[in-house]
Every structure is written in C-alpha cells, then in structure tokens.
Amino acid sequence: MPNPFCAAFLLAVEAQRVIELRLVRIAWGGAEAQAEMVSMVGEKIVAAMEAANTLLAGGTHCQVIARYRELVAANARRLSA
C-alpha cells in the first residue's frame, strides 16, 4: 500500500477519470444516463456510510482510502466496458 498521501493523490486522479466517464454517459442522455445518475447518488451514500462504519469500528483513514479506491476502480471498469 502506498503511503497515505500517495494513496489519497491516486484516489483523486482515479476519481477524476470516473467523473469523466460518468459525464460522458450522462451527456448522451436516455435511460442509461438516468440509471447512472441514480446509481451514482446511491453509491455515494453507501460508500460514506461504509467509511463512517470503518472509522467508528477503529479503522484507519488508510483503510477508508483503500476501499474507496476499490470502488472507484470497479466503476472505472464498468464505465469503460
């Protein structure tokens, strides 16, 4: 695992790619755009709750960042397919 600063920086870069992919999908419009917007909001709520639970259970911010990176990578794969 990279140091916390590097992991946070990588998360920011990776998240920007997902934002780009999502904006393209939304810009095309239609049912896929609507589904992506609904999915996006739901994912953010679930991820925030998961992060809070990790921290409340004694987890570290490094664990939270690592999990967010997993979620971002999964979205990047899905949106790139």
N, C-alpha and C. Protein backbone atom coordinates (compact mmCIF):
# COMPACT_ATOMS: atom_id res chain seq x y z
N MET A 1 0.85 -1.19 0.00
CA MET A 1 0.00 0.00 0.00
C MET A 1 0.89 1.24 0.00
N PRO A 2 0.61 2.18 -0.89
CA PRO A 2 1.39 3.41 -0.90
C PRO A 2 1.18 4.20 0.39
N ASN A 3 2.06 5.16 0.63
CA ASN A 3 1.86 5.97 1.83
C ASN A 3 0.54 6.73 1.72
N PRO A 4 0.00 7.22 2.84
CA PRO A 4 -1.34 7.83 2.82
C PRO A 4 -1.48 8.99 1.84
N PHE A 5 -0.45 9.82 1.71
CA PHE A 5 -0.54 10.94 0.77
C PHE A 5 -0.63 10.43 -0.65
N CYS A 6 0.20 9.48 -1.00
CA CYS A 6 0.17 8.92 -2.36
C CYS A 6 -1.16 8.24 -2.64
N ALA A 7 -1.67 7.49 -1.67
CA ALA A 7 -2.94 6.81 -1.86
C ALA A 7 -4.07 7.81 -2.07
N ALA A 8 -4.07 8.89 -1.30
CA ALA A 8 -5.10 9.92 -1.46
C ALA A 8 -4.96 10.62 -2.81
N PHE A 9 -3.74 10.87 -3.23
CA PHE A 9 -3.50 11.50 -4.52
C PHE A 9 -3.97 10.59 -5.65
N LEU A 10 -3.64 9.30 -5.56
CA LEU A 10 -4.08 8.35 -6.58
C LEU A 10 -5.60 8.25 -6.62
N LEU A 11 -6.23 8.27 -5.46
CA LEU A 11 -7.69 8.25 -5.41
C LEU A 11 -8.26 9.47 -6.15
N ALA A 12 -7.70 10.63 -5.94
CA ALA A 12 -8.18 11.83 -6.61
C ALA A 12 -8.04 11.72 -8.12
N VAL A 13 -6.92 11.21 -8.58
CA VAL A 13 -6.69 11.06 -10.03
C VAL A 13 -7.65 10.03 -10.61
N GLU A 14 -7.78 8.90 -9.94
CA GLU A 14 -8.65 7.83 -10.42
C GLU A 14 -10.12 8.27 -10.42
N ALA A 15 -10.52 9.02 -9.40
CA ALA A 15 -11.89 9.50 -9.32
C ALA A 15 -12.19 10.48 -10.46
N GLN A 16 -11.22 11.28 -10.85
CA GLN A 16 -11.43 12.20 -11.97
C GLN A 16 -11.76 11.45 -13.25
N ARG A 17 -11.11 10.32 -13.45
CA ARG A 17 -11.39 9.50 -14.65
C ARG A 17 -12.83 8.98 -14.61
N VAL A 18 -13.28 8.53 -13.45
CA VAL A 18 -14.65 8.04 -13.33
C VAL A 18 -15.64 9.18 -13.55
N ILE A 19 -15.33 10.35 -13.02
CA ILE A 19 -16.20 11.51 -13.24
C ILE A 19 -16.32 11.80 -14.73
N GLU A 20 -15.20 11.76 -15.43
CA GLU A 20 -15.21 11.98 -16.88
C GLU A 20 -16.10 10.96 -17.59
N LEU A 21 -15.91 9.68 -17.25
CA LEU A 21 -16.70 8.62 -17.88
C LEU A 21 -18.19 8.78 -17.58
N ARG A 22 -18.50 9.16 -16.35
CA ARG A 22 -19.91 9.35 -15.98
C ARG A 22 -20.51 10.55 -16.71
N LEU A 23 -19.78 11.63 -16.82
CA LEU A 23 -20.29 12.81 -17.52
C LEU A 23 -20.58 12.51 -18.98
N VAL A 24 -19.73 11.72 -19.60
CA VAL A 24 -19.97 11.32 -20.99
C VAL A 24 -21.25 10.52 -21.09
N ARG A 25 -21.41 9.56 -20.19
CA ARG A 25 -22.62 8.72 -20.21
C ARG A 25 -23.86 9.58 -19.97
N ILE A 26 -23.78 10.51 -19.04
CA ILE A 26 -24.93 11.37 -18.74
C ILE A 26 -25.22 12.30 -19.92
N ALA A 27 -24.17 12.80 -20.55
CA ALA A 27 -24.35 13.71 -21.69
C ALA A 27 -25.08 13.05 -22.85
N TRP A 28 -24.92 11.74 -23.01
CA TRP A 28 -25.61 11.02 -24.09
C TRP A 28 -27.10 10.95 -23.82
N GLY A 29 -27.50 11.08 -22.56
CA GLY A 29 -28.92 11.10 -22.22
C GLY A 29 -29.55 9.72 -22.28
N GLY A 30 -30.85 9.71 -22.16
CA GLY A 30 -31.61 8.47 -22.24
C GLY A 30 -31.67 7.71 -20.93
N ALA A 31 -32.13 6.48 -21.05
CA ALA A 31 -32.33 5.63 -19.87
C ALA A 31 -31.02 5.32 -19.16
N GLU A 32 -29.94 5.12 -19.94
CA GLU A 32 -28.63 4.83 -19.31
C GLU A 32 -28.16 6.01 -18.47
N ALA A 33 -28.39 7.22 -18.95
CA ALA A 33 -27.99 8.41 -18.19
C ALA A 33 -28.77 8.50 -16.90
N GLN A 34 -30.06 8.27 -16.98
CA GLN A 34 -30.91 8.32 -15.79
C GLN A 34 -30.46 7.26 -14.78
N ALA A 35 -30.22 6.05 -15.26
CA ALA A 35 -29.79 4.97 -14.37
C ALA A 35 -28.44 5.30 -13.73
N GLU A 36 -27.54 5.91 -14.49
CA GLU A 36 -26.22 6.27 -13.96
C GLU A 36 -26.33 7.32 -12.86
N MET A 37 -27.21 8.29 -13.05
CA MET A 37 -27.38 9.33 -12.03
C MET A 37 -27.94 8.75 -10.74
N VAL A 38 -28.91 7.88 -10.86
CA VAL A 38 -29.49 7.25 -9.67
C VAL A 38 -28.45 6.38 -8.98
N SER A 39 -27.72 5.60 -9.77
CA SER A 39 -26.68 4.73 -9.23
C SER A 39 -25.60 5.54 -8.53
N MET A 40 -25.20 6.63 -9.14
CA MET A 40 -24.13 7.47 -8.61
C MET A 40 -24.48 7.98 -7.21
N VAL A 41 -25.70 8.47 -7.05
CA VAL A 41 -26.12 9.01 -5.75
C VAL A 41 -26.16 7.89 -4.70
N GLY A 42 -26.76 6.78 -5.07
CA GLY A 42 -26.84 5.66 -4.14
C GLY A 42 -25.48 5.15 -3.71
N GLU A 43 -24.56 5.04 -4.68
CA GLU A 43 -23.20 4.57 -4.37
C GLU A 43 -22.50 5.49 -3.39
N LYS A 44 -22.68 6.78 -3.56
CA LYS A 44 -22.02 7.75 -2.67
C LYS A 44 -22.54 7.63 -1.25
N ILE A 45 -23.84 7.43 -1.11
CA ILE A 45 -24.43 7.29 0.23
C ILE A 45 -23.91 6.03 0.91
N VAL A 46 -23.92 4.93 0.18
CA VAL A 46 -23.45 3.66 0.74
C VAL A 46 -21.97 3.74 1.09
N ALA A 47 -21.15 4.34 0.21
CA ALA A 47 -19.72 4.45 0.47
C ALA A 47 -19.44 5.32 1.70
N ALA A 48 -20.19 6.40 1.85
CA ALA A 48 -20.00 7.27 3.02
C ALA A 48 -20.37 6.54 4.31
N MET A 49 -21.45 5.78 4.27
CA MET A 49 -21.85 5.01 5.46
C MET A 49 -20.81 3.94 5.77
N GLU A 50 -20.28 3.30 4.75
CA GLU A 50 -19.24 2.29 4.96
C GLU A 50 -17.98 2.92 5.57
N ALA A 51 -17.60 4.08 5.06
CA ALA A 51 -16.43 4.77 5.60
C ALA A 51 -16.64 5.14 7.07
N ALA A 52 -17.82 5.65 7.38
CA ALA A 52 -18.12 6.01 8.77
C ALA A 52 -18.06 4.79 9.66
N ASN A 53 -18.62 3.68 9.20
CA ASN A 53 -18.58 2.45 9.99
C ASN A 53 -17.15 1.97 10.21
N THR A 54 -16.33 2.06 9.18
CA THR A 54 -14.93 1.65 9.31
C THR A 54 -14.23 2.47 10.38
N LEU A 55 -14.42 3.78 10.34
CA LEU A 55 -13.77 4.66 11.31
C LEU A 55 -14.32 4.45 12.72
N LEU A 56 -15.63 4.28 12.84
CA LEU A 56 -16.24 4.05 14.15
C LEU A 56 -15.81 2.73 14.76
N ALA A 57 -15.47 1.77 13.90
CA ALA A 57 -15.03 0.46 14.39
C ALA A 57 -13.53 0.44 14.67
N GLY A 58 -12.87 1.59 14.55
CA GLY A 58 -11.45 1.67 14.86
C GLY A 58 -10.55 1.55 13.65
N GLY A 59 -11.14 1.56 12.46
CA GLY A 59 -10.33 1.50 11.24
C GLY A 59 -9.58 2.80 11.03
N THR A 60 -8.70 2.77 10.06
CA THR A 60 -7.87 3.94 9.78
C THR A 60 -8.33 4.64 8.50
N HIS A 61 -7.86 5.86 8.36
CA HIS A 61 -8.18 6.58 7.12
C HIS A 61 -7.53 5.88 5.92
N CYS A 62 -6.44 5.19 6.13
CA CYS A 62 -5.80 4.45 5.04
C CYS A 62 -6.72 3.32 4.56
N GLN A 63 -7.43 2.68 5.47
CA GLN A 63 -8.38 1.64 5.09
C GLN A 63 -9.54 2.22 4.30
N VAL A 64 -10.00 3.38 4.73
CA VAL A 64 -11.09 4.05 4.02
C VAL A 64 -10.66 4.42 2.61
N ILE A 65 -9.48 4.99 2.47
CA ILE A 65 -8.98 5.37 1.15
C ILE A 65 -8.81 4.14 0.27
N ALA A 66 -8.28 3.06 0.82
CA ALA A 66 -8.09 1.83 0.05
C ALA A 66 -9.43 1.30 -0.45
N ARG A 67 -10.45 1.35 0.40
CA ARG A 67 -11.77 0.87 -0.01
C ARG A 67 -12.37 1.76 -1.09
N TYR A 68 -12.25 3.07 -0.93
CA TYR A 68 -12.74 4.00 -1.96
C TYR A 68 -12.03 3.74 -3.29
N ARG A 69 -10.74 3.46 -3.24
CA ARG A 69 -10.02 3.17 -4.48
C ARG A 69 -10.55 1.91 -5.15
N GLU A 70 -10.92 0.91 -4.34
CA GLU A 70 -11.53 -0.31 -4.91
C GLU A 70 -12.84 0.01 -5.60
N LEU A 71 -13.66 0.82 -4.95
CA LEU A 71 -14.95 1.19 -5.52
C LEU A 71 -14.79 2.01 -6.79
N VAL A 72 -13.85 2.93 -6.78
CA VAL A 72 -13.59 3.76 -7.96
C VAL A 72 -13.08 2.90 -9.11
N ALA A 73 -12.20 1.96 -8.82
CA ALA A 73 -11.68 1.07 -9.87
C ALA A 73 -12.80 0.23 -10.47
N ALA A 74 -13.70 -0.25 -9.64
CA ALA A 74 -14.83 -1.04 -10.15
C ALA A 74 -15.71 -0.19 -11.06
N ASN A 75 -15.95 1.05 -10.69
CA ASN A 75 -16.73 1.93 -11.54
C ASN A 75 -16.02 2.24 -12.84
N ALA A 76 -14.72 2.44 -12.78
CA ALA A 76 -13.95 2.71 -14.00
C ALA A 76 -14.04 1.52 -14.96
N ARG A 77 -13.93 0.31 -14.44
CA ARG A 77 -14.06 -0.88 -15.29
C ARG A 77 -15.45 -0.97 -15.91
N ARG A 78 -16.46 -0.75 -15.09
CA ARG A 78 -17.84 -0.84 -15.58
C ARG A 78 -18.13 0.20 -16.65
N LEU A 79 -17.69 1.43 -16.40
CA LEU A 79 -17.99 2.52 -17.33
C LEU A 79 -17.14 2.46 -18.60
N SER A 80 -16.02 1.78 -18.54
CA SER A 80 -15.14 1.66 -19.72
C SER A 80 -15.54 0.51 -20.63
N ALA A 81 -16.39 -0.38 -20.13
CA ALA A 81 -16.77 -1.57 -20.91
C ALA A 81 -17.70 -1.22 -22.05
